[in-house]
Amino acid sequence: MTSTPDLHEGRVARRKRRVRDALIDAARRIMSEKGVDAATMLEIAERADVGAGTIYNYFRSKDDLAVAVLEEMMHDLALRIENVTNTFDDPAQVYAYGVRMVLETATGDIRWRQLLNRSEVIADAIFRRMGPFAIRDLRQASEAGRFSVGDPDLVWKMSTHAIVGISLTITTGNLPEKKLHEAVVALLCMTGIGTEAARELASRHHPALTPED
């Protein structure tokens, strides 16, 4: 996913946007191939077809570039989740599926795993990039009487920090991966649905996502 063009931006701004998009795209592909740690700024610049020094006009470090990549991936993930949940009748299941997919991606994708130690940054990115979808789903499930959430923004803010914490604990080996299902149940309990209802929701069939572009 690339940034949305502003119809009123000038030629210089358009060029800068194109270069930034090219750098993010190059970094995303390289980091997908070898991970964040093994990727170098030089090969990212070469893949984007820009000068080696140009990359630092847009990103202070490889870490900052990796976070920008992850933010784009988060938005893309939200869209892929929506493509699946558009077929669901139960608004509570829509939210439950999304929470599971975020957790599975955060613990399974090398680009997410290697950035989880920047917990505050990653939680904030999840809140901003996936929030419009998650907060909408929380609100709709509450309006349908499935959840009891008075402040969807707060519940999602708390959930993003919990997701990062759980994912980091799993990926560092301090919590077995099989506990991910129980983590989904705990996150669903934050909606006021109750433990038994949360377990039933978490146990429903969860179709696979379409592959990432």
C-alpha atoms as a PDB file:
ATOM      1  CA  MET A   1       0.000   0.000   0.000  1.00  0.00           C
ATOM      2  CA  THR A   2       1.314   3.460  -0.829  1.00  0.00           C
ATOM      3  CA  SER A   3       0.315   6.880   0.415  1.00  0.00           C
ATOM      4  CA  THR A   4      -2.723   8.556  -1.095  1.00  0.00           C
ATOM      5  CA  PRO A   5      -1.877  11.401  -3.501  1.00  0.00           C
ATOM      6  CA  ASP A   6      -3.031  14.887  -2.569  1.00  0.00           C
ATOM      7  CA  LEU A   7      -4.636  16.488  -5.604  1.00  0.00           C
ATOM      8  CA  HIS A   8      -3.330  19.881  -4.495  1.00  0.00           C
ATOM      9  CA  GLU A   9       0.278  18.899  -3.789  1.00  0.00           C
ATOM     10  CA  GLY A  10       3.032  20.438  -5.914  1.00  0.00           C
ATOM     11  CA  ARG A  11       5.591  18.736  -8.108  1.00  0.00           C
ATOM     12  CA  VAL A  12       8.264  18.603  -5.391  1.00  0.00           C
ATOM     13  CA  ALA A  13       5.833  17.114  -2.896  1.00  0.00           C
ATOM     14  CA  ARG A  14       4.735  14.503  -5.443  1.00  0.00           C
ATOM     15  CA  ARG A  15       8.339  13.541  -6.104  1.00  0.00           C
ATOM     16  CA  LYS A  16       9.068  13.215  -2.402  1.00  0.00           C
ATOM     17  CA  ARG A  17       5.981  11.088  -1.915  1.00  0.00           C
ATOM     18  CA  ARG A  18       6.974   8.804  -4.784  1.00  0.00           C
ATOM     19  CA  VAL A  19      10.483   8.366  -3.379  1.00  0.00           C
ATOM     20  CA  ARG A  20       9.147   7.644   0.098  1.00  0.00           C
ATOM     21  CA  ASP A  21       6.673   5.116  -1.284  1.00  0.00           C
ATOM     22  CA  ALA A  22       9.451   3.452  -3.286  1.00  0.00           C
ATOM     23  CA  LEU A  23      11.653   3.182  -0.196  1.00  0.00           C
ATOM     24  CA  ILE A  24       8.855   1.663   1.883  1.00  0.00           C
ATOM     25  CA  ASP A  25       7.999  -0.799  -0.884  1.00  0.00           C
ATOM     26  CA  ALA A  26      11.652  -1.811  -1.317  1.00  0.00           C
ATOM     27  CA  ALA A  27      12.125  -2.198   2.427  1.00  0.00           C
ATOM     28  CA  ARG A  28       8.949  -4.252   2.721  1.00  0.00           C
ATOM     29  CA  ARG A  29      10.096  -6.677   0.058  1.00  0.00           C
ATOM     30  CA  ILE A  30      13.634  -7.035   1.382  1.00  0.00           C
ATOM     31  CA  MET A  31      12.506  -7.372   4.992  1.00  0.00           C
ATOM     32  CA  SER A  32      10.017 -10.027   3.861  1.00  0.00           C
ATOM     33  CA  GLU A  33      12.884 -11.964   2.300  1.00  0.00           C
ATOM     34  CA  LYS A  34      15.418 -11.776   5.134  1.00  0.00           C
ATOM     35  CA  GLY A  35      13.898  -9.988   8.108  1.00  0.00           C
ATOM     36  CA  VAL A  36      14.479  -6.542   9.561  1.00  0.00           C
ATOM     37  CA  ASP A  37      17.809  -7.309  11.192  1.00  0.00           C
ATOM     38  CA  ALA A  38      19.507  -8.654   8.068  1.00  0.00           C
ATOM     39  CA  ALA A  39      18.232  -5.951   5.688  1.00  0.00           C
ATOM     40  CA  THR A  40      20.603  -3.066   4.995  1.00  0.00           C
ATOM     41  CA  MET A  41      19.851   0.529   4.122  1.00  0.00           C
ATOM     42  CA  LEU A  42      22.173   0.269   1.103  1.00  0.00           C
ATOM     43  CA  GLU A  43      20.305  -2.613  -0.519  1.00  0.00           C
ATOM     44  CA  ILE A  44      16.974  -0.939   0.244  1.00  0.00           C
ATOM     45  CA  ALA A  45      18.180   2.234  -1.497  1.00  0.00           C
ATOM     46  CA  GLU A  46      19.444   0.198  -4.453  1.00  0.00           C
ATOM     47  CA  ARG A  47      16.148  -1.712  -4.738  1.00  0.00           C
ATOM     48  CA  ALA A  48      14.274   1.624  -4.676  1.00  0.00           C
ATOM     49  CA  ASP A  49      16.712   3.013  -7.275  1.00  0.00           C
ATOM     50  CA  VAL A  50      17.762   6.018  -5.205  1.00  0.00           C
ATOM     51  CA  GLY A  51      21.131   7.212  -3.952  1.00  0.00           C
ATOM     52  CA  ALA A  52      22.454   5.617  -0.775  1.00  0.00           C
ATOM     53  CA  GLY A  53      22.320   8.907   1.105  1.00  0.00           C
ATOM     54  CA  THR A  54      18.829   9.805  -0.075  1.00  0.00           C
ATOM     55  CA  ILE A  55      17.189   7.299   2.231  1.00  0.00           C
ATOM     56  CA  TYR A  56      18.279   9.331   5.272  1.00  0.00           C
ATOM     57  CA  ASN A  57      16.377  12.351   3.989  1.00  0.00           C
ATOM     58  CA  TYR A  58      13.214  10.359   4.664  1.00  0.00           C
ATOM     59  CA  PHE A  59      14.067   8.018   7.545  1.00  0.00           C
ATOM     60  CA  ARG A  60      16.527   8.590  10.364  1.00  0.00           C
ATOM     61  CA  SER A  61      17.364   4.911  10.722  1.00  0.00           C
ATOM     62  CA  LYS A  62      16.532   1.434   9.502  1.00  0.00           C
ATOM     63  CA  ASP A  63      14.384   1.028  12.594  1.00  0.00           C
ATOM     64  CA  ASP A  64      12.271   4.048  11.649  1.00  0.00           C
ATOM     65  CA  LEU A  65      11.903   2.720   8.118  1.00  0.00           C
ATOM     66  CA  ALA A  66      10.890  -0.689   9.467  1.00  0.00           C
ATOM     67  CA  VAL A  67       8.165   0.921  11.577  1.00  0.00           C
ATOM     68  CA  ALA A  68       6.881   2.757   8.486  1.00  0.00           C
ATOM     69  CA  VAL A  69       6.791  -0.570   6.651  1.00  0.00           C
ATOM     70  CA  LEU A  70       4.935  -2.174   9.541  1.00  0.00           C
ATOM     71  CA  GLU A  71       2.355   0.614   9.611  1.00  0.00           C
ATOM     72  CA  GLU A  72       1.547  -0.005   5.951  1.00  0.00           C
ATOM     73  CA  MET A  73       1.327  -3.731   6.640  1.00  0.00           C
ATOM     74  CA  MET A  74      -1.077  -3.084   9.516  1.00  0.00           C
ATOM     75  CA  HIS A  75      -3.447  -1.171   7.276  1.00  0.00           C
ATOM     76  CA  ASP A  76      -3.194  -3.832   4.590  1.00  0.00           C
ATOM     77  CA  LEU A  77      -3.901  -6.503   7.226  1.00  0.00           C
ATOM     78  CA  ALA A  78      -7.018  -4.622   8.336  1.00  0.00           C
ATOM     79  CA  LEU A  79      -8.283  -4.612   4.746  1.00  0.00           C
ATOM     80  CA  ARG A  80      -7.557  -8.337   4.335  1.00  0.00           C
ATOM     81  CA  ILE A  81      -9.399  -9.059   7.589  1.00  0.00           C
ATOM     82  CA  GLU A  82     -12.340  -7.018   6.353  1.00  0.00           C
ATOM     83  CA  ASN A  83     -12.475  -9.057   3.133  1.00  0.00           C
ATOM     84  CA  VAL A  84     -13.105 -12.153   5.261  1.00  0.00           C
ATOM     85  CA  THR A  85     -15.376 -10.668   7.924  1.00  0.00           C
ATOM     86  CA  ASN A  86     -17.651  -9.076   5.330  1.00  0.00           C
ATOM     87  CA  THR A  87     -19.178 -12.560   5.096  1.00  0.00           C
ATOM     88  CA  PHE A  88     -19.932 -12.806   8.852  1.00  0.00           C
ATOM     89  CA  ASP A  89     -23.417 -12.193  10.245  1.00  0.00           C
ATOM     90  CA  ASP A  90     -22.383 -11.756  13.886  1.00  0.00           C
ATOM     91  CA  PRO A  91     -20.651  -8.407  14.578  1.00  0.00           C
ATOM     92  CA  ALA A  92     -18.985  -9.918  17.663  1.00  0.00           C
ATOM     93  CA  GLN A  93     -17.370 -12.565  15.463  1.00  0.00           C
ATOM     94  CA  VAL A  94     -16.019  -9.810  13.202  1.00  0.00           C
ATOM     95  CA  TYR A  95     -14.084  -8.288  16.085  1.00  0.00           C
ATOM     96  CA  ALA A  96     -13.015 -11.670  17.481  1.00  0.00           C
ATOM     97  CA  TYR A  97     -11.613 -12.763  14.134  1.00  0.00           C
ATOM     98  CA  GLY A  98      -9.710  -9.500  13.751  1.00  0.00           C
ATOM     99  CA  VAL A  99      -8.115  -9.814  17.184  1.00  0.00           C
ATOM    100  CA  ARG A 100      -6.995 -13.367  16.426  1.00  0.00           C
ATOM    101  CA  MET A 101      -5.509 -12.428  13.060  1.00  0.00           C
ATOM    102  CA  VAL A 102      -3.558  -9.519  14.545  1.00  0.00           C
ATOM    103  CA  LEU A 103      -2.128 -11.783  17.254  1.00  0.00           C
ATOM    104  CA  GLU A 104      -1.257 -14.535  14.778  1.00  0.00           C
ATOM    105  CA  THR A 105       0.444 -12.059  12.460  1.00  0.00           C
ATOM    106  CA  ALA A 106       2.352 -10.326  15.250  1.00  0.00           C
ATOM    107  CA  THR A 107       3.730 -13.643  16.496  1.00  0.00           C
ATOM    108  CA  GLY A 108       4.252 -15.268  13.103  1.00  0.00           C
ATOM    109  CA  ASP A 109       5.534 -12.578  10.742  1.00  0.00           C
ATOM    110  CA  ILE A 110       9.268 -11.951  11.039  1.00  0.00           C
ATOM    111  CA  ARG A 111       8.854  -8.235  10.328  1.00  0.00           C
ATOM    112  CA  TRP A 112       6.452  -7.859  13.265  1.00  0.00           C
ATOM    113  CA  ARG A 113       8.420 -10.161  15.567  1.00  0.00           C
ATOM    114  CA  GLN A 114      11.664  -8.216  15.259  1.00  0.00           C
ATOM    115  CA  LEU A 115      10.010  -4.916  16.205  1.00  0.00           C
ATOM    116  CA  LEU A 116       7.896  -6.033  19.153  1.00  0.00           C
ATOM    117  CA  ASN A 117      10.517  -4.826  21.634  1.00  0.00           C
ATOM    118  CA  ARG A 118       9.526  -1.282  20.622  1.00  0.00           C
ATOM    119  CA  SER A 119       6.267  -1.931  22.394  1.00  0.00           C
ATOM    120  CA  GLU A 120       5.059   1.657  22.815  1.00  0.00           C
ATOM    121  CA  VAL A 121       5.732   2.499  19.172  1.00  0.00           C
ATOM    122  CA  ILE A 122       4.113  -0.673  17.835  1.00  0.00           C
ATOM    123  CA  ALA A 123       1.059  -0.424  20.101  1.00  0.00           C
ATOM    124  CA  ASP A 124       0.536   3.171  18.989  1.00  0.00           C
ATOM    125  CA  ALA A 125       0.882   2.154  15.330  1.00  0.00           C
ATOM    126  CA  ILE A 126      -1.692  -0.627  15.747  1.00  0.00           C
ATOM    127  CA  PHE A 127      -4.065   1.803  17.446  1.00  0.00           C
ATOM    128  CA  ARG A 128      -3.783   4.390  14.667  1.00  0.00           C
ATOM    129  CA  ARG A 129      -3.642   2.179  11.591  1.00  0.00           C
ATOM    130  CA  MET A 130      -6.091  -0.556  12.599  1.00  0.00           C
ATOM    131  CA  GLY A 131      -8.181   1.492  15.012  1.00  0.00           C
ATOM    132  CA  PRO A 132     -10.719   2.804  12.485  1.00  0.00           C
ATOM    133  CA  PHE A 133     -11.687  -0.805  11.741  1.00  0.00           C
ATOM    134  CA  ALA A 134     -11.510  -2.246  15.276  1.00  0.00           C
ATOM    135  CA  ILE A 135     -13.298   0.676  16.940  1.00  0.00           C
ATOM    136  CA  ARG A 136     -16.059   0.493  14.337  1.00  0.00           C
ATOM    137  CA  ASP A 137     -16.422  -3.248  14.981  1.00  0.00           C
ATOM    138  CA  LEU A 138     -16.568  -2.744  18.756  1.00  0.00           C
ATOM    139  CA  ARG A 139     -19.226  -0.085  18.331  1.00  0.00           C
ATOM    140  CA  GLN A 140     -21.340  -2.170  15.963  1.00  0.00           C
ATOM    141  CA  ALA A 141     -21.162  -5.239  18.220  1.00  0.00           C
ATOM    142  CA  SER A 142     -22.200  -3.091  21.184  1.00  0.00           C
ATOM    143  CA  GLU A 143     -25.106  -1.570  19.265  1.00  0.00           C
ATOM    144  CA  ALA A 144     -26.232  -5.088  18.371  1.00  0.00           C
ATOM    145  CA  GLY A 145     -26.206  -6.053  22.048  1.00  0.00           C
ATOM    146  CA  ARG A 146     -23.352  -8.535  21.647  1.00  0.00           C
ATOM    147  CA  PHE A 147     -20.735  -6.471  23.532  1.00  0.00           C
ATOM    148  CA  SER A 148     -21.029  -4.000  26.374  1.00  0.00           C
ATOM    149  CA  VAL A 149     -18.442  -1.360  25.533  1.00  0.00           C
ATOM    150  CA  GLY A 150     -18.979   2.203  26.691  1.00  0.00           C
ATOM    151  CA  ASP A 151     -15.753   3.602  25.243  1.00  0.00           C
ATOM    152  CA  PRO A 152     -14.580   1.689  22.132  1.00  0.00           C
ATOM    153  CA  ASP A 153     -11.495   3.904  21.742  1.00  0.00           C
ATOM    154  CA  LEU A 154     -10.305   3.082  25.261  1.00  0.00           C
ATOM    155  CA  VAL A 155     -10.967  -0.645  24.889  1.00  0.00           C
ATOM    156  CA  TRP A 156      -8.999  -0.734  21.631  1.00  0.00           C
ATOM    157  CA  LYS A 157      -6.159   1.331  23.152  1.00  0.00           C
ATOM    158  CA  MET A 158      -5.881  -1.128  26.038  1.00  0.00           C
ATOM    159  CA  SER A 159      -6.143  -4.063  23.637  1.00  0.00           C
ATOM    160  CA  THR A 160      -3.278  -2.864  21.452  1.00  0.00           C
ATOM    161  CA  HIS A 161      -0.911  -2.794  24.428  1.00  0.00           C
ATOM    162  CA  ALA A 162      -2.114  -6.221  25.505  1.00  0.00           C
ATOM    163  CA  ILE A 163      -1.623  -7.597  21.983  1.00  0.00           C
ATOM    164  CA  VAL A 164       1.957  -6.350  21.833  1.00  0.00           C
ATOM    165  CA  GLY A 165       2.713  -7.640  25.334  1.00  0.00           C
ATOM    166  CA  ILE A 166       1.247 -11.076  24.639  1.00  0.00           C
ATOM    167  CA  SER A 167       3.015 -11.303  21.270  1.00  0.00           C
ATOM    168  CA  LEU A 168       6.368 -10.325  22.775  1.00  0.00           C
ATOM    169  CA  THR A 169       5.958 -12.873  25.559  1.00  0.00           C
ATOM    170  CA  ILE A 170       5.183 -15.619  23.041  1.00  0.00           C
ATOM    171  CA  THR A 171       7.980 -14.740  20.610  1.00  0.00           C
ATOM    172  CA  THR A 172      10.587 -14.584  23.387  1.00  0.00           C
ATOM    173  CA  GLY A 173       9.602 -18.059  24.543  1.00  0.00           C
ATOM    174  CA  ASN A 174       8.154 -16.986  27.882  1.00  0.00           C
ATOM    175  CA  LEU A 175       4.661 -18.140  26.936  1.00  0.00           C
ATOM    176  CA  PRO A 176       3.849 -21.226  24.837  1.00  0.00           C
ATOM    177  CA  GLU A 177       2.401 -20.447  21.414  1.00  0.00           C
ATOM    178  CA  LYS A 178      -0.546 -22.711  22.231  1.00  0.00           C
ATOM    179  CA  LYS A 179      -1.630 -20.094  24.765  1.00  0.00           C
ATOM    180  CA  LEU A 180      -2.546 -17.731  21.930  1.00  0.00           C
ATOM    181  CA  HIS A 181      -6.118 -19.041  21.931  1.00  0.00           C
ATOM    182  CA  GLU A 182      -6.480 -18.258  25.618  1.00  0.00           C
ATOM    183  CA  ALA A 183      -5.084 -14.795  24.945  1.00  0.00           C
ATOM    184  CA  VAL A 184      -7.840 -14.225  22.377  1.00  0.00           C
ATOM    185  CA  VAL A 185     -10.415 -15.231  24.995  1.00  0.00           C
ATOM    186  CA  ALA A 186      -8.912 -12.799  27.520  1.00  0.00           C
ATOM    187  CA  LEU A 187      -8.955  -9.968  24.985  1.00  0.00           C
ATOM    188  CA  LEU A 188     -12.587 -10.687  24.142  1.00  0.00           C
ATOM    189  CA  CYS A 189     -13.493 -10.537  27.832  1.00  0.00           C
ATOM    190  CA  MET A 190     -12.464  -6.870  27.714  1.00  0.00           C
ATOM    191  CA  THR A 191     -15.648  -6.276  25.698  1.00  0.00           C
ATOM    192  CA  GLY A 192     -17.856  -7.254  28.622  1.00  0.00           C
ATOM    193  CA  ILE A 193     -19.150 -10.349  26.862  1.00  0.00           C
ATOM    194  CA  GLY A 194     -18.316 -12.783  29.664  1.00  0.00           C
ATOM    195  CA  THR A 195     -15.882 -15.701  29.777  1.00  0.00           C
ATOM    196  CA  GLU A 196     -18.124 -18.444  28.393  1.00  0.00           C
ATOM    197  CA  ALA A 197     -19.355 -16.303  25.505  1.00  0.00           C
ATOM    198  CA  ALA A 198     -15.765 -15.234  24.809  1.00  0.00           C
ATOM    199  CA  ARG A 199     -14.651 -18.880  24.689  1.00  0.00           C
ATOM    200  CA  GLU A 200     -17.452 -19.732  22.271  1.00  0.00           C
ATOM    201  CA  LEU A 201     -16.541 -16.816  20.018  1.00  0.00           C
ATOM    202  CA  ALA A 202     -12.830 -17.641  20.057  1.00  0.00           C
ATOM    203  CA  SER A 203     -13.563 -21.268  19.177  1.00  0.00           C
ATOM    204  CA  ARG A 204     -15.491 -20.473  16.004  1.00  0.00           C
ATOM    205  CA  HIS A 205     -14.039 -21.334  12.634  1.00  0.00           C
ATOM    206  CA  HIS A 206     -11.569 -18.709  11.478  1.00  0.00           C
ATOM    207  CA  PRO A 207     -10.946 -18.808   7.714  1.00  0.00           C
ATOM    208  CA  ALA A 208      -7.478 -18.156   6.371  1.00  0.00           C
ATOM    209  CA  LEU A 209      -6.629 -14.691   5.140  1.00  0.00           C
ATOM    210  CA  THR A 210      -5.874 -14.073   1.507  1.00  0.00           C
ATOM    211  CA  PRO A 211      -2.103 -13.973   0.907  1.00  0.00           C
ATOM    212  CA  GLU A 212      -0.328 -10.672   1.295  1.00  0.00           C
ATOM    213  CA  ASP A 213       0.407  -8.862  -1.986  1.00  0.00           C
END
